[in-house]
Amino acid sequence: MADENKKDFFEETNEVDENDVDIITLHNIEKDVDEDFYHLATFDCEGKWYVGLLPTKPEKGEEDAVYIFRIEEGKNENMIVSIDDEAEMEKAFAEFTKFMEENTPDEDK
C-alpha cells in the first residue's frame, strides 16, 4: 500500500542536490553505524510531530524507501523515535503523503 505512493513523490530522488537539503544522521543500533538521510518533511498528525526521511545511500531494492519517525521531546533536546504501532504508522504515512502532495511543485503545470 505505502510502496505504491512512494514512487509518485520520489522518482527523481537520485537527482537531489545535496546543497539544497538537510542531511540528518541517525545511529542504527542494530548495525552499530551512523546513517545519513535527506530530510523530506516535518509534519503534524493528530497533535504529534513526525519527520519523513530518505536514505542518502539506500540499500539495493530500497531506492524509494521513505522512513517516517515520530519526534518526541527529551529533557534537553527532541528525539527521533521509531513507530511500532501499525495504525499510527498508517495515519502518519497518509498525512506525509498529503503533506508532500500539497508542498511538492507540480512540474506538469
PDB file of N, CA and C in Angstrom:
ATOM      1  N   MET A   1       0.826  -1.180   0.000  1.00  0.00           N
ATOM      2  CA  MET A   1       0.000   0.000   0.000  1.00  0.00           C
ATOM      3  C   MET A   1       0.873   1.247   0.000  1.00  0.00           C
ATOM      4  N   ALA A   2       1.770   1.386   0.949  1.00  0.00           N
ATOM      5  CA  ALA A   2       2.622   2.561   1.035  1.00  0.00           C
ATOM      6  C   ALA A   2       3.587   2.624  -0.143  1.00  0.00           C
ATOM      7  N   ASP A   3       4.065   1.476  -0.622  1.00  0.00           N
ATOM      8  CA  ASP A   3       5.023   1.464  -1.726  1.00  0.00           C
ATOM      9  C   ASP A   3       4.450   2.060  -2.995  1.00  0.00           C
ATOM     10  N   GLU A   4       3.146   1.906  -3.216  1.00  0.00           N
ATOM     11  CA  GLU A   4       2.524   2.439  -4.423  1.00  0.00           C
ATOM     12  C   GLU A   4       2.636   3.954  -4.454  1.00  0.00           C
ATOM     13  N   ASN A   5       2.497   4.615  -3.308  1.00  0.00           N
ATOM     14  CA  ASN A   5       2.515   6.063  -3.243  1.00  0.00           C
ATOM     15  C   ASN A   5       3.914   6.641  -3.305  1.00  0.00           C
ATOM     16  N   LYS A   6       4.913   5.922  -2.883  1.00  0.00           N
ATOM     17  CA  LYS A   6       6.257   6.461  -2.791  1.00  0.00           C
ATOM     18  C   LYS A   6       6.811   6.871  -4.146  1.00  0.00           C
ATOM     19  N   LYS A   7       6.601   6.084  -5.173  1.00  0.00           N
ATOM     20  CA  LYS A   7       7.187   6.382  -6.476  1.00  0.00           C
ATOM     21  C   LYS A   7       6.666   7.698  -7.037  1.00  0.00           C
ATOM     22  N   ASP A   8       5.406   8.046  -6.756  1.00  0.00           N
ATOM     23  CA  ASP A   8       4.857   9.292  -7.255  1.00  0.00           C
ATOM     24  C   ASP A   8       5.690  10.482  -6.786  1.00  0.00           C
ATOM     25  N   PHE A   9       6.177  10.444  -5.553  1.00  0.00           N
ATOM     26  CA  PHE A   9       6.902  11.567  -4.996  1.00  0.00           C
ATOM     27  C   PHE A   9       8.387  11.515  -5.263  1.00  0.00           C
ATOM     28  N   PHE A  10       8.962  10.335  -5.365  1.00  0.00           N
ATOM     29  CA  PHE A  10      10.398  10.228  -5.273  1.00  0.00           C
ATOM     30  C   PHE A  10      11.075   9.631  -6.493  1.00  0.00           C
ATOM     31  N   GLU A  11      10.423   9.701  -7.652  1.00  0.00           N
ATOM     32  CA  GLU A  11      11.037   9.148  -8.851  1.00  0.00           C
ATOM     33  C   GLU A  11      12.357   9.834  -9.161  1.00  0.00           C
ATOM     34  N   GLU A  12      12.491  11.111  -8.794  1.00  0.00           N
ATOM     35  CA  GLU A  12      13.688  11.860  -9.137  1.00  0.00           C
ATOM     36  C   GLU A  12      14.603  12.063  -7.944  1.00  0.00           C
ATOM     37  N   THR A  13      14.474  11.272  -6.904  1.00  0.00           N
ATOM     38  CA  THR A  13      15.275  11.490  -5.707  1.00  0.00           C
ATOM     39  C   THR A  13      16.756  11.297  -5.956  1.00  0.00           C
ATOM     40  N   ASN A  14      17.134  10.540  -6.935  1.00  0.00           N
ATOM     41  CA  ASN A  14      18.554  10.372  -7.213  1.00  0.00           C
ATOM     42  C   ASN A  14      19.173  11.647  -7.766  1.00  0.00           C
ATOM     43  N   GLU A  15      18.337  12.618  -8.126  1.00  0.00           N
ATOM     44  CA  GLU A  15      18.818  13.883  -8.646  1.00  0.00           C
ATOM     45  C   GLU A  15      18.791  14.976  -7.586  1.00  0.00           C
ATOM     46  N   VAL A  16      18.677  14.613  -6.324  1.00  0.00           N
ATOM     47  CA  VAL A  16      18.624  15.578  -5.246  1.00  0.00           C
ATOM     48  C   VAL A  16      19.938  16.334  -5.163  1.00  0.00           C
ATOM     49  N   ASP A  17      19.856  17.640  -5.093  1.00  0.00           N
ATOM     50  CA  ASP A  17      21.042  18.467  -4.913  1.00  0.00           C
ATOM     51  C   ASP A  17      21.318  18.547  -3.418  1.00  0.00           C
ATOM     52  N   GLU A  18      22.389  17.906  -2.977  1.00  0.00           N
ATOM     53  CA  GLU A  18      22.684  17.831  -1.559  1.00  0.00           C
ATOM     54  C   GLU A  18      22.904  19.207  -0.937  1.00  0.00           C
ATOM     55  N   ASN A  19      23.169  20.225  -1.722  1.00  0.00           N
ATOM     56  CA  ASN A  19      23.343  21.567  -1.181  1.00  0.00           C
ATOM     57  C   ASN A  19      22.016  22.219  -0.832  1.00  0.00           C
ATOM     58  N   ASP A  20      20.918  21.693  -1.351  1.00  0.00           N
ATOM     59  CA  ASP A  20      19.609  22.281  -1.130  1.00  0.00           C
ATOM     60  C   ASP A  20      18.779  21.549  -0.083  1.00  0.00           C
ATOM     61  N   VAL A  21      19.306  20.520   0.542  1.00  0.00           N
ATOM     62  CA  VAL A  21      18.527  19.751   1.510  1.00  0.00           C
ATOM     63  C   VAL A  21      19.306  19.565   2.807  1.00  0.00           C
ATOM     64  N   ASP A  22      18.554  19.297   3.851  1.00  0.00           N
ATOM     65  CA  ASP A  22      19.170  18.991   5.135  1.00  0.00           C
ATOM     66  C   ASP A  22      19.483  17.508   5.192  1.00  0.00           C
ATOM     67  N   ILE A  23      20.623  17.192   5.760  1.00  0.00           N
ATOM     68  CA  ILE A  23      21.011  15.810   5.984  1.00  0.00           C
ATOM     69  C   ILE A  23      20.924  15.557   7.494  1.00  0.00           C
ATOM     70  N   ILE A  24      20.248  14.498   7.860  1.00  0.00           N
ATOM     71  CA  ILE A  24      20.119  14.099   9.261  1.00  0.00           C
ATOM     72  C   ILE A  24      20.856  12.781   9.426  1.00  0.00           C
ATOM     73  N   THR A  25      21.699  12.708  10.437  1.00  0.00           N
ATOM     74  CA  THR A  25      22.444  11.488  10.728  1.00  0.00           C
ATOM     75  C   THR A  25      21.821  10.800  11.935  1.00  0.00           C
ATOM     76  N   LEU A  26      21.452   9.536  11.758  1.00  0.00           N
ATOM     77  CA  LEU A  26      20.900   8.726  12.842  1.00  0.00           C
ATOM     78  C   LEU A  26      21.816   7.540  13.078  1.00  0.00           C
ATOM     79  N   HIS A  27      21.875   7.108  14.318  1.00  0.00           N
ATOM     80  CA  HIS A  27      22.674   5.933  14.646  1.00  0.00           C
ATOM     81  C   HIS A  27      21.792   4.698  14.571  1.00  0.00           C
ATOM     82  N   ASN A  28      22.170   3.738  13.745  1.00  0.00           N
ATOM     83  CA  ASN A  28      21.458   2.464  13.622  1.00  0.00           C
ATOM     84  C   ASN A  28      22.022   1.533  14.690  1.00  0.00           C
ATOM     85  N   ILE A  29      21.227   1.295  15.729  1.00  0.00           N
ATOM     86  CA  ILE A  29      21.683   0.480  16.857  1.00  0.00           C
ATOM     87  C   ILE A  29      21.937  -0.961  16.422  1.00  0.00           C
ATOM     88  N   GLU A  30      21.066  -1.501  15.562  1.00  0.00           N
ATOM     89  CA  GLU A  30      21.211  -2.897  15.132  1.00  0.00           C
ATOM     90  C   GLU A  30      22.519  -3.131  14.372  1.00  0.00           C
ATOM     91  N   LYS A  31      22.903  -2.178  13.521  1.00  0.00           N
ATOM     92  CA  LYS A  31      24.122  -2.325  12.715  1.00  0.00           C
ATOM     93  C   LYS A  31      25.320  -1.618  13.349  1.00  0.00           C
ATOM     94  N   ASP A  32      25.074  -0.837  14.390  1.00  0.00           N
ATOM     95  CA  ASP A  32      26.090  -0.044  15.077  1.00  0.00           C
ATOM     96  C   ASP A  32      26.859   0.848  14.103  1.00  0.00           C
ATOM     97  N   VAL A  33      26.084   1.564  13.261  1.00  0.00           N
ATOM     98  CA  VAL A  33      26.666   2.514  12.305  1.00  0.00           C
ATOM     99  C   VAL A  33      25.796   3.767  12.250  1.00  0.00           C
ATOM    100  N   ASP A  34      26.401   4.874  11.860  1.00  0.00           N
ATOM    101  CA  ASP A  34      25.642   6.091  11.596  1.00  0.00           C
ATOM    102  C   ASP A  34      25.173   6.061  10.150  1.00  0.00           C
ATOM    103  N   GLU A  35      23.948   6.499   9.933  1.00  0.00           N
ATOM    104  CA  GLU A  35      23.372   6.531   8.584  1.00  0.00           C
ATOM    105  C   GLU A  35      22.824   7.926   8.311  1.00  0.00           C
ATOM    106  N   ASP A  36      23.052   8.428   7.101  1.00  0.00           N
ATOM    107  CA  ASP A  36      22.588   9.756   6.701  1.00  0.00           C
ATOM    108  C   ASP A  36      21.284   9.644   5.921  1.00  0.00           C
ATOM    109  N   PHE A  37      20.409  10.632   6.148  1.00  0.00           N
ATOM    110  CA  PHE A  37      19.113  10.689   5.490  1.00  0.00           C
ATOM    111  C   PHE A  37      18.857  12.107   5.004  1.00  0.00           C
ATOM    112  N   TYR A  38      18.192  12.218   3.834  1.00  0.00           N
ATOM    113  CA  TYR A  38      17.674  13.502   3.387  1.00  0.00           C
ATOM    114  C   TYR A  38      16.427  13.794   4.198  1.00  0.00           C
ATOM    115  N   HIS A  39      16.325  15.011   4.711  1.00  0.00           N
ATOM    116  CA  HIS A  39      15.119  15.435   5.426  1.00  0.00           C
ATOM    117  C   HIS A  39      14.104  15.886   4.380  1.00  0.00           C
ATOM    118  N   LEU A  40      12.997  15.154   4.275  1.00  0.00           N
ATOM    119  CA  LEU A  40      11.970  15.481   3.286  1.00  0.00           C
ATOM    120  C   LEU A  40      10.892  16.389   3.855  1.00  0.00           C
ATOM    121  N   ALA A  41      10.480  16.117   5.092  1.00  0.00           N
ATOM    122  CA  ALA A  41       9.386  16.890   5.666  1.00  0.00           C
ATOM    123  C   ALA A  41       9.303  16.667   7.163  1.00  0.00           C
ATOM    124  N   THR A  42       8.861  17.711   7.852  1.00  0.00           N
ATOM    125  CA  THR A  42       8.444  17.607   9.248  1.00  0.00           C
ATOM    126  C   THR A  42       6.980  18.020   9.241  1.00  0.00           C
ATOM    127  N   PHE A  43       6.130  17.201   9.826  1.00  0.00           N
ATOM    128  CA  PHE A  43       4.694  17.442   9.714  1.00  0.00           C
ATOM    129  C   PHE A  43       3.967  17.001  10.976  1.00  0.00           C
ATOM    130  N   ASP A  44       2.769  17.555  11.149  1.00  0.00           N
ATOM    131  CA  ASP A  44       1.915  17.257  12.294  1.00  0.00           C
ATOM    132  C   ASP A  44       0.852  16.249  11.883  1.00  0.00           C
ATOM    133  N   CYS A  45       0.570  15.308  12.760  1.00  0.00           N
ATOM    134  CA  CYS A  45      -0.518  14.350  12.538  1.00  0.00           C
ATOM    135  C   CYS A  45      -1.170  14.080  13.889  1.00  0.00           C
ATOM    136  N   GLU A  46      -2.397  14.524  14.011  1.00  0.00           N
ATOM    137  CA  GLU A  46      -3.187  14.316  15.222  1.00  0.00           C
ATOM    138  C   GLU A  46      -2.462  14.789  16.476  1.00  0.00           C
ATOM    139  N   GLY A  47      -1.827  15.952  16.383  1.00  0.00           N
ATOM    140  CA  GLY A  47      -1.187  16.558  17.533  1.00  0.00           C
ATOM    141  C   GLY A  47       0.208  16.050  17.853  1.00  0.00           C
ATOM    142  N   LYS A  48       0.735  15.159  17.050  1.00  0.00           N
ATOM    143  CA  LYS A  48       2.101  14.671  17.233  1.00  0.00           C
ATOM    144  C   LYS A  48       2.920  15.093  16.022  1.00  0.00           C
ATOM    145  N   TRP A  49       4.239  15.266  16.230  1.00  0.00           N
ATOM    146  CA  TRP A  49       5.124  15.674  15.148  1.00  0.00           C
ATOM    147  C   TRP A  49       5.900  14.480  14.617  1.00  0.00           C
ATOM    148  N   TYR A  50       6.054  14.461  13.302  1.00  0.00           N
ATOM    149  CA  TYR A  50       6.743  13.377  12.606  1.00  0.00           C
ATOM    150  C   TYR A  50       7.737  13.965  11.616  1.00  0.00           C
ATOM    151  N   VAL A  51       8.660  13.106  11.175  1.00  0.00           N
ATOM    152  CA  VAL A  51       9.624  13.513  10.170  1.00  0.00           C
ATOM    153  C   VAL A  51       9.699  12.418   9.108  1.00  0.00           C
ATOM    154  N   GLY A  52       9.765  12.831   7.832  1.00  0.00           N
ATOM    155  CA  GLY A  52       9.926  11.902   6.717  1.00  0.00           C
ATOM    156  C   GLY A  52      11.354  11.990   6.208  1.00  0.00           C
ATOM    157  N   LEU A  53      12.032  10.843   6.149  1.00  0.00           N
ATOM    158  CA  LEU A  53      13.448  10.804   5.770  1.00  0.00           C
ATOM    159  C   LEU A  53      13.672   9.830   4.619  1.00  0.00           C
ATOM    160  N   LEU A  54      14.632  10.150   3.779  1.00  0.00           N
ATOM    161  CA  LEU A  54      15.020   9.312   2.644  1.00  0.00           C
ATOM    162  C   LEU A  54      16.509   9.004   2.785  1.00  0.00           C
ATOM    163  N   PRO A  55      16.910   7.732   2.774  1.00  0.00           N
ATOM    164  CA  PRO A  55      18.334   7.404   2.922  1.00  0.00           C
ATOM    165  C   PRO A  55      19.176   8.026   1.808  1.00  0.00           C
ATOM    166  N   THR A  56      20.337   8.555   2.179  1.00  0.00           N
ATOM    167  CA  THR A  56      21.239   9.097   1.156  1.00  0.00           C
ATOM    168  C   THR A  56      21.924   7.978   0.394  1.00  0.00           C
ATOM    169  N   LYS A  57      22.079   6.821   1.043  1.00  0.00           N
ATOM    170  CA  LYS A  57      22.681   5.641   0.413  1.00  0.00           C
ATOM    171  C   LYS A  57      21.755   4.447   0.648  1.00  0.00           C
ATOM    172  N   PRO A  58      20.674   4.380  -0.137  1.00  0.00           N
ATOM    173  CA  PRO A  58      19.715   3.278   0.078  1.00  0.00           C
ATOM    174  C   PRO A  58      20.309   1.920  -0.266  1.00  0.00           C
ATOM    175  N   GLU A  59      19.806   0.919   0.422  1.00  0.00           N
ATOM    176  CA  GLU A  59      20.213  -0.447   0.104  1.00  0.00           C
ATOM    177  C   GLU A  59      19.574  -0.850  -1.218  1.00  0.00           C
ATOM    178  N   LYS A  60      20.178  -1.819  -1.889  1.00  0.00           N
ATOM    179  CA  LYS A  60      19.674  -2.275  -3.184  1.00  0.00           C
ATOM    180  C   LYS A  60      18.218  -2.708  -3.046  1.00  0.00           C
ATOM    181  N   GLY A  61      17.372  -2.218  -3.949  1.00  0.00           N
ATOM    182  CA  GLY A  61      15.953  -2.546  -3.938  1.00  0.00           C
ATOM    183  C   GLY A  61      15.119  -1.629  -3.066  1.00  0.00           C
ATOM    184  N   GLU A  62      15.763  -0.715  -2.347  1.00  0.00           N
ATOM    185  CA  GLU A  62      15.036   0.204  -1.469  1.00  0.00           C
ATOM    186  C   GLU A  62      15.326   1.660  -1.831  1.00  0.00           C
ATOM    187  N   GLU A  63      15.546   1.918  -3.104  1.00  0.00           N
ATOM    188  CA  GLU A  63      15.885   3.262  -3.539  1.00  0.00           C
ATOM    189  C   GLU A  63      14.780   4.274  -3.255  1.00  0.00           C
ATOM    190  N   ASP A  64      13.540   3.839  -3.192  1.00  0.00           N
ATOM    191  CA  ASP A  64      12.420   4.744  -2.942  1.00  0.00           C
ATOM    192  C   ASP A  64      11.887   4.627  -1.513  1.00  0.00           C
ATOM    193  N   ALA A  65      12.638   3.973  -0.636  1.00  0.00           N
ATOM    194  CA  ALA A  65      12.180   3.765   0.739  1.00  0.00           C
ATOM    195  C   ALA A  65      12.179   5.084   1.500  1.00  0.00           C
ATOM    196  N   VAL A  66      11.048   5.404   2.093  1.00  0.00           N
ATOM    197  CA  VAL A  66      10.897   6.579   2.936  1.00  0.00           C
ATOM    198  C   VAL A  66      10.666   6.085   4.356  1.00  0.00           C
ATOM    199  N   TYR A  67      11.365   6.709   5.289  1.00  0.00           N
ATOM    200  CA  TYR A  67      11.210   6.340   6.690  1.00  0.00           C
ATOM    201  C   TYR A  67      10.472   7.448   7.420  1.00  0.00           C
ATOM    202  N   ILE A  68       9.464   7.073   8.177  1.00  0.00           N
ATOM    203  CA  ILE A  68       8.703   8.022   8.970  1.00  0.00           C
ATOM    204  C   ILE A  68       9.019   7.753  10.436  1.00  0.00           C
ATOM    205  N   PHE A  69       9.403   8.793  11.160  1.00  0.00           N
ATOM    206  CA  PHE A  69       9.696   8.689  12.587  1.00  0.00           C
ATOM    207  C   PHE A  69       8.859   9.717  13.341  1.00  0.00           C
ATOM    208  N   ARG A  70       8.574   9.414  14.600  1.00  0.00           N
ATOM    209  CA  ARG A  70       7.884  10.361  15.477  1.00  0.00           C
ATOM    210  C   ARG A  70       8.947  11.191  16.192  1.00  0.00           C
ATOM    211  N   ILE A  71       8.642  12.451  16.414  1.00  0.00           N
ATOM    212  CA  ILE A  71       9.529  13.332  17.157  1.00  0.00           C
ATOM    213  C   ILE A  71       8.965  13.459  18.574  1.00  0.00           C
ATOM    214  N   GLU A  72       9.799  13.170  19.564  1.00  0.00           N
ATOM    215  CA  GLU A  72       9.388  13.271  20.961  1.00  0.00           C
ATOM    216  C   GLU A  72      10.316  14.225  21.690  1.00  0.00           C
ATOM    217  N   GLU A  73       9.739  14.936  22.654  1.00  0.00           N
ATOM    218  CA  GLU A  73      10.538  15.853  23.450  1.00  0.00           C
ATOM    219  C   GLU A  73      11.358  15.093  24.472  1.00  0.00           C
ATOM    220  N   GLY A  74      12.639  15.372  24.492  1.00  0.00           N
ATOM    221  CA  GLY A  74      13.515  14.834  25.521  1.00  0.00           C
ATOM    222  C   GLY A  74      13.759  15.911  26.564  1.00  0.00           C
ATOM    223  N   LYS A  75      14.561  15.607  27.551  1.00  0.00           N
ATOM    224  CA  LYS A  75      14.851  16.589  28.596  1.00  0.00           C
ATOM    225  C   LYS A  75      15.610  17.783  28.047  1.00  0.00           C
ATOM    226  N   ASN A  76      16.587  17.532  27.193  1.00  0.00           N
ATOM    227  CA  ASN A  76      17.422  18.612  26.670  1.00  0.00           C
ATOM    228  C   ASN A  76      17.247  18.865  25.185  1.00  0.00           C
ATOM    229  N   GLU A  77      16.686  17.890  24.468  1.00  0.00           N
ATOM    230  CA  GLU A  77      16.514  18.044  23.023  1.00  0.00           C
ATOM    231  C   GLU A  77      15.431  17.089  22.540  1.00  0.00           C
ATOM    232  N   ASN A  78      14.981  17.326  21.319  1.00  0.00           N
ATOM    233  CA  ASN A  78      13.996  16.429  20.722  1.00  0.00           C
ATOM    234  C   ASN A  78      14.678  15.143  20.268  1.00  0.00           C
ATOM    235  N   MET A  79      13.911  14.053  20.287  1.00  0.00           N
ATOM    236  CA  MET A  79      14.431  12.759  19.862  1.00  0.00           C
ATOM    237  C   MET A  79      13.588  12.245  18.705  1.00  0.00           C
ATOM    238  N   ILE A  80      14.215  11.550  17.778  1.00  0.00           N
ATOM    239  CA  ILE A  80      13.521  10.893  16.680  1.00  0.00           C
ATOM    240  C   ILE A  80      13.414   9.424  17.058  1.00  0.00           C
ATOM    241  N   VAL A  81      12.159   8.923  17.124  1.00  0.00           N
ATOM    242  CA  VAL A  81      11.941   7.551  17.567  1.00  0.00           C
ATOM    243  C   VAL A  81      11.144   6.779  16.520  1.00  0.00           C
ATOM    244  N   SER A  82      11.371   5.485  16.466  1.00  0.00           N
ATOM    245  CA  SER A  82      10.647   4.647  15.511  1.00  0.00           C
ATOM    246  C   SER A  82       9.197   4.486  15.959  1.00  0.00           C
ATOM    247  N   ILE A  83       8.359   4.157  15.010  1.00  0.00           N
ATOM    248  CA  ILE A  83       6.922   3.965  15.267  1.00  0.00           C
ATOM    249  C   ILE A  83       6.637   2.476  15.195  1.00  0.00           C
ATOM    250  N   ASP A  84       6.223   1.912  16.309  1.00  0.00           N
ATOM    251  CA  ASP A  84       5.952   0.476  16.366  1.00  0.00           C
ATOM    252  C   ASP A  84       4.495   0.129  16.090  1.00  0.00           C
ATOM    253  N   ASP A  85       3.594   1.073  16.306  1.00  0.00           N
ATOM    254  CA  ASP A  85       2.164   0.830  16.143  1.00  0.00           C
ATOM    255  C   ASP A  85       1.777   0.977  14.663  1.00  0.00           C
ATOM    256  N   GLU A  86       1.237  -0.089  14.087  1.00  0.00           N
ATOM    257  CA  GLU A  86       0.908  -0.087  12.652  1.00  0.00           C
ATOM    258  C   GLU A  86      -0.147   0.961  12.301  1.00  0.00           C
ATOM    259  N   ALA A  87      -1.153   1.123  13.161  1.00  0.00           N
ATOM    260  CA  ALA A  87      -2.208   2.107  12.896  1.00  0.00           C
ATOM    261  C   ALA A  87      -1.642   3.530  12.914  1.00  0.00           C
ATOM    262  N   GLU A  88      -0.762   3.805  13.866  1.00  0.00           N
ATOM    263  CA  GLU A  88      -0.124   5.115  13.927  1.00  0.00           C
ATOM    264  C   GLU A  88       0.726   5.348  12.679  1.00  0.00           C
ATOM    265  N   MET A  89       1.464   4.326  12.248  1.00  0.00           N
ATOM    266  CA  MET A  89       2.296   4.454  11.055  1.00  0.00           C
ATOM    267  C   MET A  89       1.447   4.735   9.816  1.00  0.00           C
ATOM    268  N   GLU A  90       0.327   4.036   9.688  1.00  0.00           N
ATOM    269  CA  GLU A  90      -0.550   4.262   8.531  1.00  0.00           C
ATOM    270  C   GLU A  90      -1.090   5.685   8.517  1.00  0.00           C
ATOM    271  N   LYS A  91      -1.504   6.195   9.687  1.00  0.00           N
ATOM    272  CA  LYS A  91      -2.001   7.572   9.765  1.00  0.00           C
ATOM    273  C   LYS A  91      -0.897   8.568   9.440  1.00  0.00           C
ATOM    274  N   ALA A  92       0.284   8.327  10.001  1.00  0.00           N
ATOM    275  CA  ALA A  92       1.410   9.235   9.761  1.00  0.00           C
ATOM    276  C   ALA A  92       1.813   9.216   8.286  1.00  0.00           C
ATOM    277  N   PHE A  93       1.833   8.032   7.667  1.00  0.00           N
ATOM    278  CA  PHE A  93       2.209   7.962   6.255  1.00  0.00           C
ATOM    279  C   PHE A  93       1.168   8.655   5.379  1.00  0.00           C
ATOM    280  N   ALA A  94      -0.107   8.489   5.721  1.00  0.00           N
ATOM    281  CA  ALA A  94      -1.166   9.167   4.961  1.00  0.00           C
ATOM    282  C   ALA A  94      -1.019  10.680   5.075  1.00  0.00           C
ATOM    283  N   GLU A  95      -0.703  11.167   6.246  1.00  0.00           N
ATOM    284  CA  GLU A  95      -0.501  12.601   6.435  1.00  0.00           C
ATOM    285  C   GLU A  95       0.758  13.080   5.701  1.00  0.00           C
ATOM    286  N   PHE A  96       1.800  12.267   5.717  1.00  0.00           N
ATOM    287  CA  PHE A  96       3.023  12.583   4.974  1.00  0.00           C
ATOM    288  C   PHE A  96       2.719  12.683   3.480  1.00  0.00           C
ATOM    289  N   THR A  97       1.973  11.726   2.966  1.00  0.00           N
ATOM    290  CA  THR A  97       1.594  11.730   1.548  1.00  0.00           C
ATOM    291  C   THR A  97       0.830  13.004   1.205  1.00  0.00           C
ATOM    292  N   LYS A  98      -0.143  13.344   2.036  1.00  0.00           N
ATOM    293  CA  LYS A  98      -0.934  14.564   1.827  1.00  0.00           C
ATOM    294  C   LYS A  98      -0.037  15.797   1.873  1.00  0.00           C
ATOM    295  N   PHE A  99       0.839  15.856   2.861  1.00  0.00           N
ATOM    296  CA  PHE A  99       1.756  16.981   3.009  1.00  0.00           C
ATOM    297  C   PHE A  99       2.625  17.133   1.762  1.00  0.00           C
ATOM    298  N   MET A 100       3.183  16.027   1.275  1.00  0.00           N
ATOM    299  CA  MET A 100       4.050  16.085   0.102  1.00  0.00           C
ATOM    300  C   MET A 100       3.269  16.496  -1.139  1.00  0.00           C
ATOM    301  N   GLU A 101       2.047  16.012  -1.291  1.00  0.00           N
ATOM    302  CA  GLU A 101       1.226  16.405  -2.442  1.00  0.00           C
ATOM    303  C   GLU A 101       0.958  17.902  -2.431  1.00  0.00           C
ATOM    304  N   GLU A 102       0.716  18.443  -1.233  1.00  0.00           N
ATOM    305  CA  GLU A 102       0.395  19.873  -1.113  1.00  0.00           C
ATOM    306  C   GLU A 102       1.631  20.766  -1.225  1.00  0.00           C
ATOM    307  N   ASN A 103       2.812  20.221  -0.950  1.00  0.00           N
ATOM    308  CA  ASN A 103       4.010  21.041  -0.869  1.00  0.00           C
ATOM    309  C   ASN A 103       5.081  20.721  -1.900  1.00  0.00           C
ATOM    310  N   THR A 104       4.810  19.812  -2.816  1.00  0.00           N
ATOM    311  CA  THR A 104       5.744  19.480  -3.877  1.00  0.00           C
ATOM    312  C   THR A 104       5.280  20.155  -5.157  1.00  0.00           C
ATOM    313  N   PRO A 105       6.144  20.940  -5.797  1.00  0.00           N
ATOM    314  CA  PRO A 105       5.750  21.612  -7.031  1.00  0.00           C
ATOM    315  C   PRO A 105       5.307  20.617  -8.098  1.00  0.00           C
ATOM    316  N   ASP A 106       4.236  20.953  -8.783  1.00  0.00           N
ATOM    317  CA  ASP A 106       3.741  20.112  -9.874  1.00  0.00           C
ATOM    318  C   ASP A 106       4.431  20.544 -11.149  1.00  0.00           C
ATOM    319  N   GLU A 107       5.316  19.706 -11.662  1.00  0.00           N
ATOM    320  CA  GLU A 107       6.099  20.061 -12.849  1.00  0.00           C
ATOM    321  C   GLU A 107       5.306  19.985 -14.138  1.00  0.00           C
ATOM    322  N   ASP A 108       4.088  19.443 -14.093  1.00  0.00           N
ATOM    323  CA  ASP A 108       3.275  19.333 -15.311  1.00  0.00           C
ATOM    324  C   ASP A 108       2.567  20.643 -15.650  1.00  0.00           C
ATOM    325  N   LYS A 109       2.549  21.590 -14.720  1.00  0.00           N
ATOM    326  CA  LYS A 109       1.822  22.847 -14.954  1.00  0.00           C
ATOM    327  C   LYS A 109       2.608  23.778 -15.800  1.00  0.00           C
TER     328      LYS A 109
END
